[in-house]
Amino acid sequence: MDDRPRLCGHHYFRVFRRGSTIAYFVTLASVSLWQAAIVLDRSVPHLVRSFTRTFGVSPHAYIIGRCIETARGLLLAGGRPAVVATTVGFYDHSHFTRHFRRHTSVAPGRYAASHP
């Protein structure tokens, strides 16, 4: 017997929403949407549409938001922006700064300095 869930994509996300979300699982386990699609026996576009319908944001936007939330905590704990950038999974400091500014309207260094 096949152990894979047989729910529609958006129902599957609702099940995960009760505890943690599939995007959080994808982030922690380093599982790509393509790999999740194979496990769930769905197409990647179907998962993206279902996720967006359920959570109101795309999987990528959700994961970036989670990374920024984690980065805020690390910056407030005294982490240097360049180190925090790689710790939370951004390719480089400028990539991190661009996304951080988009979410908080302030650069990471300035954010850390304004919250001693």
N, C-alpha and C. Protein backbone atom coordinates (compact mmCIF):
# COMPACT_ATOMS: atom_id res chain seq x y z
N MET A 1 0.84 -1.19 0.00
CA MET A 1 0.00 0.00 0.00
C MET A 1 0.88 1.24 0.00
N ASP A 2 0.49 2.23 -0.73
CA ASP A 2 1.22 3.48 -0.85
C ASP A 2 0.92 4.37 0.36
N ASP A 3 1.98 4.87 1.05
CA ASP A 3 1.79 5.69 2.25
C ASP A 3 1.68 7.18 1.97
N ARG A 4 1.80 7.57 0.70
CA ARG A 4 1.73 9.00 0.38
C ARG A 4 0.32 9.54 0.61
N PRO A 5 0.22 10.80 1.07
CA PRO A 5 -1.11 11.39 1.27
C PRO A 5 -1.87 11.50 -0.04
N ARG A 6 -3.15 11.29 0.01
CA ARG A 6 -3.99 11.36 -1.19
C ARG A 6 -4.91 12.57 -1.14
N LEU A 7 -4.51 13.61 -0.46
CA LEU A 7 -5.31 14.82 -0.38
C LEU A 7 -4.93 15.76 -1.51
N CYS A 8 -5.83 16.65 -1.88
CA CYS A 8 -5.50 17.70 -2.83
C CYS A 8 -4.43 18.58 -2.20
N GLY A 9 -3.67 19.27 -3.04
CA GLY A 9 -2.56 20.07 -2.55
C GLY A 9 -2.94 21.04 -1.45
N HIS A 10 -3.99 21.85 -1.66
CA HIS A 10 -4.31 22.86 -0.65
C HIS A 10 -4.81 22.23 0.64
N HIS A 11 -5.47 21.07 0.59
CA HIS A 11 -5.88 20.39 1.81
C HIS A 11 -4.65 19.86 2.55
N TYR A 12 -3.68 19.41 1.80
CA TYR A 12 -2.44 18.91 2.41
C TYR A 12 -1.75 20.04 3.17
N PHE A 13 -1.71 21.24 2.58
CA PHE A 13 -1.09 22.38 3.25
C PHE A 13 -1.87 22.75 4.51
N ARG A 14 -3.18 22.63 4.46
CA ARG A 14 -3.98 22.95 5.65
C ARG A 14 -3.66 21.99 6.78
N VAL A 15 -3.42 20.73 6.47
CA VAL A 15 -3.03 19.76 7.50
C VAL A 15 -1.73 20.21 8.15
N PHE A 16 -0.76 20.62 7.36
CA PHE A 16 0.51 21.08 7.89
C PHE A 16 0.37 22.40 8.65
N ARG A 17 -0.59 23.20 8.29
CA ARG A 17 -0.76 24.51 8.90
C ARG A 17 -1.05 24.41 10.40
N ARG A 18 -1.65 23.32 10.82
CA ARG A 18 -1.98 23.16 12.24
C ARG A 18 -0.74 23.16 13.11
N GLY A 19 0.33 22.57 12.66
CA GLY A 19 1.56 22.56 13.42
C GLY A 19 2.56 23.47 12.76
N SER A 20 3.31 22.91 11.87
CA SER A 20 4.25 23.71 11.10
C SER A 20 3.83 23.61 9.64
N THR A 21 4.32 24.51 8.83
CA THR A 21 3.90 24.51 7.43
C THR A 21 4.87 23.71 6.57
N ILE A 22 4.42 23.36 5.40
CA ILE A 22 5.28 22.63 4.48
C ILE A 22 6.49 23.46 4.10
N ALA A 23 6.33 24.77 3.99
CA ALA A 23 7.48 25.62 3.65
C ALA A 23 8.52 25.57 4.75
N TYR A 24 8.09 25.53 6.00
CA TYR A 24 9.03 25.42 7.11
C TYR A 24 9.76 24.08 7.01
N PHE A 25 9.02 23.02 6.71
CA PHE A 25 9.62 21.70 6.51
C PHE A 25 10.60 21.74 5.35
N VAL A 26 10.19 22.36 4.26
CA VAL A 26 11.06 22.46 3.09
C VAL A 26 12.33 23.22 3.45
N THR A 27 12.21 24.29 4.25
CA THR A 27 13.37 25.08 4.65
C THR A 27 14.30 24.26 5.53
N LEU A 28 13.76 23.60 6.54
CA LEU A 28 14.59 22.85 7.48
C LEU A 28 15.25 21.64 6.84
N ALA A 29 14.52 20.94 6.04
CA ALA A 29 15.02 19.69 5.47
C ALA A 29 15.79 19.90 4.17
N SER A 30 15.90 21.13 3.72
CA SER A 30 16.55 21.44 2.45
C SER A 30 15.93 20.64 1.30
N VAL A 31 14.64 20.52 1.34
CA VAL A 31 13.89 19.81 0.31
C VAL A 31 13.38 20.86 -0.67
N SER A 32 13.58 20.62 -1.94
CA SER A 32 13.09 21.56 -2.95
C SER A 32 11.61 21.31 -3.21
N LEU A 33 10.97 22.28 -3.83
CA LEU A 33 9.57 22.08 -4.23
C LEU A 33 9.45 20.91 -5.19
N TRP A 34 10.44 20.73 -6.02
CA TRP A 34 10.43 19.61 -6.97
C TRP A 34 10.41 18.29 -6.20
N GLN A 35 11.24 18.18 -5.15
CA GLN A 35 11.27 16.95 -4.35
C GLN A 35 9.96 16.75 -3.60
N ALA A 36 9.42 17.85 -3.05
CA ALA A 36 8.13 17.76 -2.35
C ALA A 36 7.03 17.32 -3.32
N ALA A 37 7.09 17.82 -4.55
CA ALA A 37 6.09 17.44 -5.56
C ALA A 37 6.14 15.95 -5.85
N ILE A 38 7.33 15.39 -5.88
CA ILE A 38 7.46 13.95 -6.11
C ILE A 38 6.85 13.16 -4.95
N VAL A 39 7.17 13.56 -3.72
CA VAL A 39 6.65 12.87 -2.54
C VAL A 39 5.13 12.96 -2.48
N LEU A 40 4.58 14.13 -2.83
CA LEU A 40 3.13 14.34 -2.76
C LEU A 40 2.40 13.89 -4.02
N ASP A 41 3.17 13.45 -5.01
CA ASP A 41 2.59 13.01 -6.28
C ASP A 41 1.76 14.12 -6.93
N ARG A 42 2.33 15.32 -6.94
CA ARG A 42 1.71 16.50 -7.55
C ARG A 42 2.75 17.20 -8.41
N SER A 43 2.31 18.10 -9.26
CA SER A 43 3.25 18.89 -10.05
C SER A 43 3.69 20.11 -9.23
N VAL A 44 4.85 20.65 -9.57
CA VAL A 44 5.35 21.84 -8.88
C VAL A 44 4.38 23.02 -9.05
N PRO A 45 3.89 23.30 -10.27
CA PRO A 45 2.93 24.41 -10.39
C PRO A 45 1.68 24.21 -9.52
N HIS A 46 1.22 22.96 -9.42
CA HIS A 46 0.05 22.69 -8.58
C HIS A 46 0.37 23.01 -7.12
N LEU A 47 1.54 22.60 -6.63
CA LEU A 47 1.92 22.90 -5.25
C LEU A 47 2.03 24.40 -5.02
N VAL A 48 2.62 25.11 -5.96
CA VAL A 48 2.78 26.56 -5.81
C VAL A 48 1.41 27.23 -5.76
N ARG A 49 0.51 26.86 -6.66
CA ARG A 49 -0.84 27.45 -6.66
C ARG A 49 -1.58 27.12 -5.36
N SER A 50 -1.49 25.86 -4.93
CA SER A 50 -2.18 25.45 -3.71
C SER A 50 -1.62 26.16 -2.49
N PHE A 51 -0.30 26.26 -2.43
CA PHE A 51 0.34 26.94 -1.30
C PHE A 51 -0.07 28.41 -1.27
N THR A 52 -0.02 29.06 -2.42
CA THR A 52 -0.36 30.48 -2.51
C THR A 52 -1.82 30.70 -2.12
N ARG A 53 -2.70 29.83 -2.56
CA ARG A 53 -4.12 29.94 -2.21
C ARG A 53 -4.32 29.76 -0.71
N THR A 54 -3.60 28.84 -0.10
CA THR A 54 -3.76 28.54 1.32
C THR A 54 -3.14 29.60 2.22
N PHE A 55 -1.91 30.03 1.90
CA PHE A 55 -1.17 30.91 2.80
C PHE A 55 -1.14 32.37 2.37
N GLY A 56 -1.59 32.67 1.16
CA GLY A 56 -1.64 34.05 0.72
C GLY A 56 -0.35 34.59 0.15
N VAL A 57 0.71 33.81 0.16
CA VAL A 57 2.00 34.20 -0.43
C VAL A 57 2.59 32.99 -1.13
N SER A 58 3.52 33.23 -2.05
CA SER A 58 4.17 32.12 -2.74
C SER A 58 5.12 31.41 -1.77
N PRO A 59 5.47 30.16 -2.06
CA PRO A 59 6.43 29.46 -1.20
C PRO A 59 7.75 30.22 -1.06
N HIS A 60 8.23 30.80 -2.15
CA HIS A 60 9.49 31.55 -2.09
C HIS A 60 9.36 32.75 -1.16
N ALA A 61 8.28 33.51 -1.29
CA ALA A 61 8.08 34.67 -0.42
C ALA A 61 7.96 34.25 1.04
N TYR A 62 7.31 33.12 1.29
CA TYR A 62 7.17 32.63 2.65
C TYR A 62 8.53 32.27 3.24
N ILE A 63 9.33 31.55 2.46
CA ILE A 63 10.65 31.14 2.94
C ILE A 63 11.54 32.35 3.18
N ILE A 64 11.52 33.33 2.28
CA ILE A 64 12.30 34.56 2.48
C ILE A 64 11.84 35.25 3.76
N GLY A 65 10.54 35.33 3.98
CA GLY A 65 10.01 35.94 5.19
C GLY A 65 10.49 35.24 6.45
N ARG A 66 10.51 33.90 6.42
CA ARG A 66 11.02 33.13 7.57
C ARG A 66 12.49 33.41 7.80
N CYS A 67 13.26 33.51 6.73
CA CYS A 67 14.69 33.81 6.85
C CYS A 67 14.90 35.20 7.46
N ILE A 68 14.10 36.16 7.04
CA ILE A 68 14.21 37.53 7.58
C ILE A 68 13.84 37.54 9.06
N GLU A 69 12.81 36.80 9.45
CA GLU A 69 12.44 36.71 10.87
C GLU A 69 13.59 36.14 11.69
N THR A 70 14.21 35.08 11.20
CA THR A 70 15.35 34.49 11.89
C THR A 70 16.50 35.47 11.95
N ALA A 71 16.75 36.17 10.85
CA ALA A 71 17.84 37.15 10.80
C ALA A 71 17.63 38.27 11.80
N ARG A 72 16.41 38.72 11.96
CA ARG A 72 16.13 39.78 12.95
C ARG A 72 16.60 39.34 14.34
N GLY A 73 16.24 38.14 14.71
CA GLY A 73 16.65 37.62 16.02
C GLY A 73 18.16 37.53 16.15
N LEU A 74 18.83 37.06 15.11
CA LEU A 74 20.29 36.94 15.15
C LEU A 74 20.95 38.31 15.22
N LEU A 75 20.42 39.27 14.49
CA LEU A 75 20.97 40.63 14.54
C LEU A 75 20.78 41.25 15.92
N LEU A 76 19.63 41.03 16.51
CA LEU A 76 19.37 41.57 17.85
C LEU A 76 20.23 40.89 18.91
N ALA A 77 20.65 39.66 18.63
CA ALA A 77 21.53 38.93 19.56
C ALA A 77 22.99 39.33 19.38
N GLY A 78 23.26 40.26 18.46
CA GLY A 78 24.62 40.75 18.28
C GLY A 78 25.36 40.20 17.08
N GLY A 79 24.67 39.46 16.23
CA GLY A 79 25.32 38.91 15.04
C GLY A 79 25.68 39.98 14.03
N ARG A 80 26.82 39.78 13.37
CA ARG A 80 27.23 40.71 12.30
C ARG A 80 26.40 40.41 11.05
N PRO A 81 25.97 41.45 10.34
CA PRO A 81 25.12 41.24 9.16
C PRO A 81 25.69 40.27 8.13
N ALA A 82 26.98 40.32 7.86
CA ALA A 82 27.57 39.42 6.85
C ALA A 82 27.48 37.97 7.30
N VAL A 83 27.68 37.72 8.58
CA VAL A 83 27.60 36.36 9.12
C VAL A 83 26.15 35.90 9.15
N VAL A 84 25.27 36.78 9.58
CA VAL A 84 23.84 36.46 9.63
C VAL A 84 23.32 36.11 8.24
N ALA A 85 23.78 36.84 7.23
CA ALA A 85 23.34 36.60 5.85
C ALA A 85 23.58 35.16 5.43
N THR A 86 24.78 34.66 5.65
CA THR A 86 25.08 33.28 5.25
C THR A 86 24.43 32.27 6.19
N THR A 87 24.28 32.63 7.46
CA THR A 87 23.67 31.72 8.42
C THR A 87 22.22 31.42 8.06
N VAL A 88 21.49 32.43 7.63
CA VAL A 88 20.07 32.21 7.30
C VAL A 88 19.85 31.75 5.87
N GLY A 89 20.93 31.61 5.10
CA GLY A 89 20.81 30.99 3.79
C GLY A 89 20.89 31.88 2.57
N PHE A 90 21.26 33.14 2.74
CA PHE A 90 21.42 34.01 1.57
C PHE A 90 22.80 33.80 0.96
N TYR A 91 22.87 34.01 -0.34
CA TYR A 91 24.12 33.77 -1.06
C TYR A 91 25.22 34.73 -0.62
N ASP A 92 24.88 35.99 -0.47
CA ASP A 92 25.87 36.97 -0.04
C ASP A 92 25.19 38.11 0.71
N HIS A 93 26.02 39.00 1.24
CA HIS A 93 25.53 40.09 2.06
C HIS A 93 24.60 41.03 1.30
N SER A 94 24.92 41.33 0.05
CA SER A 94 24.08 42.27 -0.71
C SER A 94 22.70 41.68 -1.01
N HIS A 95 22.65 40.40 -1.29
CA HIS A 95 21.38 39.71 -1.52
C HIS A 95 20.53 39.78 -0.25
N PHE A 96 21.16 39.51 0.88
CA PHE A 96 20.48 39.58 2.18
C PHE A 96 19.98 41.00 2.46
N THR A 97 20.85 41.99 2.26
CA THR A 97 20.50 43.38 2.53
C THR A 97 19.30 43.82 1.70
N ARG A 98 19.28 43.44 0.43
CA ARG A 98 18.17 43.82 -0.44
C ARG A 98 16.84 43.27 0.09
N HIS A 99 16.81 41.99 0.45
CA HIS A 99 15.58 41.39 0.97
C HIS A 99 15.23 41.93 2.36
N PHE A 100 16.24 42.13 3.20
CA PHE A 100 15.98 42.64 4.55
C PHE A 100 15.36 44.03 4.47
N ARG A 101 15.93 44.87 3.61
CA ARG A 101 15.39 46.23 3.42
C ARG A 101 13.96 46.20 2.89
N ARG A 102 13.70 45.29 1.98
CA ARG A 102 12.36 45.18 1.41
C ARG A 102 11.33 44.82 2.49
N HIS A 103 11.73 44.01 3.46
CA HIS A 103 10.81 43.58 4.51
C HIS A 103 10.73 44.53 5.69
N THR A 104 11.83 45.23 6.00
CA THR A 104 11.87 46.05 7.21
C THR A 104 12.03 47.54 6.95
N SER A 105 12.33 47.92 5.73
CA SER A 105 12.57 49.32 5.33
C SER A 105 13.83 49.91 5.95
N VAL A 106 14.72 49.07 6.42
CA VAL A 106 15.99 49.54 6.99
C VAL A 106 17.06 48.48 6.73
N ALA A 107 18.30 48.93 6.60
CA ALA A 107 19.42 48.00 6.36
C ALA A 107 19.68 47.17 7.62
N PRO A 108 20.23 45.97 7.47
CA PRO A 108 20.48 45.10 8.63
C PRO A 108 21.36 45.74 9.71
N GLY A 109 22.44 46.40 9.30
CA GLY A 109 23.32 47.04 10.28
C GLY A 109 22.61 48.12 11.07
N ARG A 110 21.83 48.91 10.37
CA ARG A 110 21.08 49.98 11.03
C ARG A 110 20.00 49.39 11.95
N TYR A 111 19.38 48.30 11.51
CA TYR A 111 18.37 47.63 12.34
C TYR A 111 18.99 47.16 13.65
N ALA A 112 20.15 46.53 13.57
CA ALA A 112 20.83 46.04 14.77
C ALA A 112 21.23 47.19 15.68
N ALA A 113 21.71 48.28 15.10
CA ALA A 113 22.15 49.44 15.89
C ALA A 113 20.98 50.15 16.56
N SER A 114 19.81 50.12 15.94
CA SER A 114 18.66 50.83 16.51
C SER A 114 17.92 50.01 17.57
N HIS A 115 18.32 48.76 17.76
CA HIS A 115 17.70 47.89 18.77
C HIS A 115 18.79 47.31 19.67
N PRO A 116 19.39 48.15 20.54
CA PRO A 116 20.51 47.65 21.37
C PRO A 116 20.11 46.66 22.43
